[in-house]
Amino acid sequence: MFEDTEGQCVNKTDIAIGYYNEMSDEEKGLFVSSDDYVVSSARDRFEAWLANQGKSINTTNNLIVANNNNNLNSSDDTTLLYAIIIVLIASAFLLTCLILKKRRNK
């Protein structure tokens, strides 16, 4: 698990989650909070793999959870959609004003 390999985030995450889930609550707490170099290095690698897969460790109960990044993206998408709609409405209004002004000048 400690060697770098191609596609390790995809290939090793589920295996590492299995190891993590087999730990006792005390072991999980130690794994999540330890300052020991070996443990913290393993935790950093594990958290990086989890993040790549859209997951994280919920530190209040030491469970692996899916991140809610999709909600953030949909919020950003909604904001972008509203901005596009506003630009289209403003463009239509300006175009209408220009057409009416041209007709008045004829």
C-alpha atoms as a PDB file:
ATOM      1  CA  MET A   1       0.000   0.000   0.000  1.00  0.00           C
ATOM      2  CA  PHE A   2       2.948   2.354   0.560  1.00  0.00           C
ATOM      3  CA  GLU A   3       4.443   2.174  -2.950  1.00  0.00           C
ATOM      4  CA  ASP A   4       3.328   4.580  -5.661  1.00  0.00           C
ATOM      5  CA  THR A   5       1.632   2.873  -8.599  1.00  0.00           C
ATOM      6  CA  GLU A   6      -0.265   4.064 -11.637  1.00  0.00           C
ATOM      7  CA  GLY A   7      -3.932   4.680 -10.775  1.00  0.00           C
ATOM      8  CA  GLN A   8      -3.411   4.033  -7.073  1.00  0.00           C
ATOM      9  CA  CYS A   9      -6.202   6.386  -6.015  1.00  0.00           C
ATOM     10  CA  VAL A  10      -8.687   4.313  -7.954  1.00  0.00           C
ATOM     11  CA  ASN A  11      -7.147   0.892  -7.361  1.00  0.00           C
ATOM     12  CA  LYS A  12      -6.104   1.088  -3.720  1.00  0.00           C
ATOM     13  CA  THR A  13      -8.762   3.262  -2.085  1.00  0.00           C
ATOM     14  CA  ASP A  14     -11.324   0.491  -1.594  1.00  0.00           C
ATOM     15  CA  ILE A  15      -8.657  -1.826  -0.156  1.00  0.00           C
ATOM     16  CA  ALA A  16      -7.474   0.893   2.232  1.00  0.00           C
ATOM     17  CA  ILE A  17     -11.076   1.621   3.262  1.00  0.00           C
ATOM     18  CA  GLY A  18     -11.457  -2.085   4.054  1.00  0.00           C
ATOM     19  CA  TYR A  19      -8.386  -1.980   6.307  1.00  0.00           C
ATOM     20  CA  TYR A  20      -9.622   1.208   7.948  1.00  0.00           C
ATOM     21  CA  ASN A  21     -13.097  -0.202   8.573  1.00  0.00           C
ATOM     22  CA  GLU A  22     -11.573  -3.287  10.244  1.00  0.00           C
ATOM     23  CA  MET A  23      -9.852  -1.073  12.855  1.00  0.00           C
ATOM     24  CA  SER A  24     -11.366  -0.673  16.295  1.00  0.00           C
ATOM     25  CA  ASP A  25     -12.696   2.763  17.266  1.00  0.00           C
ATOM     26  CA  GLU A  26      -9.585   3.284  19.391  1.00  0.00           C
ATOM     27  CA  GLU A  27      -7.298   2.416  16.470  1.00  0.00           C
ATOM     28  CA  LYS A  28      -9.247   4.722  14.140  1.00  0.00           C
ATOM     29  CA  GLY A  29      -8.967   7.551  16.662  1.00  0.00           C
ATOM     30  CA  LEU A  30      -5.218   7.019  16.898  1.00  0.00           C
ATOM     31  CA  PHE A  31      -4.899   6.848  13.113  1.00  0.00           C
ATOM     32  CA  VAL A  32      -6.843  10.092  12.645  1.00  0.00           C
ATOM     33  CA  SER A  33      -5.062  12.067  15.387  1.00  0.00           C
ATOM     34  CA  SER A  34      -1.514  10.677  15.681  1.00  0.00           C
ATOM     35  CA  ASP A  35       1.492  12.955  15.122  1.00  0.00           C
ATOM     36  CA  ASP A  36       3.778   9.969  14.582  1.00  0.00           C
ATOM     37  CA  TYR A  37       5.524  10.393  11.210  1.00  0.00           C
ATOM     38  CA  VAL A  38       4.676   6.930   9.905  1.00  0.00           C
ATOM     39  CA  VAL A  39       1.024   7.138  10.946  1.00  0.00           C
ATOM     40  CA  SER A  40       0.556  10.723   9.771  1.00  0.00           C
ATOM     41  CA  SER A  41       2.202   9.902   6.417  1.00  0.00           C
ATOM     42  CA  ALA A  42      -0.128   6.924   5.974  1.00  0.00           C
ATOM     43  CA  ARG A  43      -3.106   9.092   6.954  1.00  0.00           C
ATOM     44  CA  ASP A  44      -2.095  11.836   4.498  1.00  0.00           C
ATOM     45  CA  ARG A  45      -1.824   9.300   1.677  1.00  0.00           C
ATOM     46  CA  PHE A  46      -5.150   7.691   2.641  1.00  0.00           C
ATOM     47  CA  GLU A  47      -6.903  11.066   2.833  1.00  0.00           C
ATOM     48  CA  ALA A  48      -5.475  12.027  -0.573  1.00  0.00           C
ATOM     49  CA  TRP A  49      -6.851   8.808  -2.077  1.00  0.00           C
ATOM     50  CA  LEU A  50     -10.220   9.428  -0.423  1.00  0.00           C
ATOM     51  CA  ALA A  51     -10.329  13.018  -1.680  1.00  0.00           C
ATOM     52  CA  ASN A  52      -9.590  11.791  -5.200  1.00  0.00           C
ATOM     53  CA  GLN A  53     -12.627   9.531  -4.928  1.00  0.00           C
ATOM     54  CA  GLY A  54     -14.861  12.270  -3.441  1.00  0.00           C
ATOM     55  CA  LYS A  55     -14.742  10.875   0.094  1.00  0.00           C
ATOM     56  CA  SER A  56     -13.262  11.830   3.456  1.00  0.00           C
ATOM     57  CA  ILE A  57     -13.016  10.673   7.042  1.00  0.00           C
ATOM     58  CA  ASN A  58     -15.720  12.166   9.251  1.00  0.00           C
ATOM     59  CA  THR A  59     -13.629  12.872  12.333  1.00  0.00           C
ATOM     60  CA  THR A  60     -16.586  12.985  14.723  1.00  0.00           C
ATOM     61  CA  ASN A  61     -17.398   9.314  14.200  1.00  0.00           C
ATOM     62  CA  ASN A  62     -14.354   8.111  12.208  1.00  0.00           C
ATOM     63  CA  LEU A  63     -16.504   6.849   9.349  1.00  0.00           C
ATOM     64  CA  ILE A  64     -15.696   7.185   5.671  1.00  0.00           C
ATOM     65  CA  VAL A  65     -18.251   9.491   4.094  1.00  0.00           C
ATOM     66  CA  ALA A  66     -18.906  10.834   0.626  1.00  0.00           C
ATOM     67  CA  ASN A  67     -18.163  14.527   0.309  1.00  0.00           C
ATOM     68  CA  ASN A  68     -20.996  16.823  -0.700  1.00  0.00           C
ATOM     69  CA  ASN A  69     -19.003  18.372  -3.539  1.00  0.00           C
ATOM     70  CA  ASN A  70     -21.884  17.724  -5.918  1.00  0.00           C
ATOM     71  CA  ASN A  71     -24.051  20.190  -4.002  1.00  0.00           C
ATOM     72  CA  LEU A  72     -21.393  22.849  -4.362  1.00  0.00           C
ATOM     73  CA  ASN A  73     -21.082  22.180  -8.071  1.00  0.00           C
ATOM     74  CA  SER A  74     -24.829  22.291  -8.612  1.00  0.00           C
ATOM     75  CA  SER A  75     -24.949  25.600  -6.720  1.00  0.00           C
ATOM     76  CA  ASP A  76     -22.205  26.964  -8.965  1.00  0.00           C
ATOM     77  CA  ASP A  77     -24.052  25.640 -12.002  1.00  0.00           C
ATOM     78  CA  THR A  78     -27.268  27.328 -10.856  1.00  0.00           C
ATOM     79  CA  THR A  79     -25.456  30.637 -10.359  1.00  0.00           C
ATOM     80  CA  LEU A  80     -23.943  30.349 -13.821  1.00  0.00           C
ATOM     81  CA  LEU A  81     -27.347  29.555 -15.305  1.00  0.00           C
ATOM     82  CA  TYR A  82     -28.881  32.647 -13.668  1.00  0.00           C
ATOM     83  CA  ALA A  83     -26.036  34.799 -14.942  1.00  0.00           C
ATOM     84  CA  ILE A  84     -26.547  33.513 -18.482  1.00  0.00           C
ATOM     85  CA  ILE A  85     -30.292  34.154 -18.295  1.00  0.00           C
ATOM     86  CA  ILE A  86     -29.720  37.718 -17.055  1.00  0.00           C
ATOM     87  CA  VAL A  87     -27.230  38.391 -19.870  1.00  0.00           C
ATOM     88  CA  LEU A  88     -29.676  37.015 -22.448  1.00  0.00           C
ATOM     89  CA  ILE A  89     -32.540  39.147 -21.115  1.00  0.00           C
ATOM     90  CA  ALA A  90     -30.348  42.251 -21.056  1.00  0.00           C
ATOM     91  CA  SER A  91     -29.142  41.535 -24.606  1.00  0.00           C
ATOM     92  CA  ALA A  92     -32.718  41.069 -25.832  1.00  0.00           C
ATOM     93  CA  PHE A  93     -33.746  44.348 -24.174  1.00  0.00           C
ATOM     94  CA  LEU A  94     -30.858  46.276 -25.759  1.00  0.00           C
ATOM     95  CA  LEU A  95     -31.527  44.732 -29.159  1.00  0.00           C
ATOM     96  CA  THR A  96     -35.209  45.676 -28.891  1.00  0.00           C
ATOM     97  CA  CYS A  97     -34.263  49.261 -27.950  1.00  0.00           C
ATOM     98  CA  LEU A  98     -31.923  49.517 -30.939  1.00  0.00           C
ATOM     99  CA  ILE A  99     -34.553  48.171 -33.340  1.00  0.00           C
ATOM    100  CA  LEU A 100     -37.191  50.583 -32.029  1.00  0.00           C
ATOM    101  CA  LYS A 101     -34.788  53.517 -32.249  1.00  0.00           C
ATOM    102  CA  LYS A 102     -33.955  52.614 -35.846  1.00  0.00           C
ATOM    103  CA  ARG A 103     -37.656  52.442 -36.761  1.00  0.00           C
ATOM    104  CA  ARG A 104     -38.293  55.844 -35.208  1.00  0.00           C
ATOM    105  CA  ASN A 105     -35.457  57.398 -37.216  1.00  0.00           C
ATOM    106  CA  LYS A 106     -36.907  56.208 -40.560  1.00  0.00           C
END
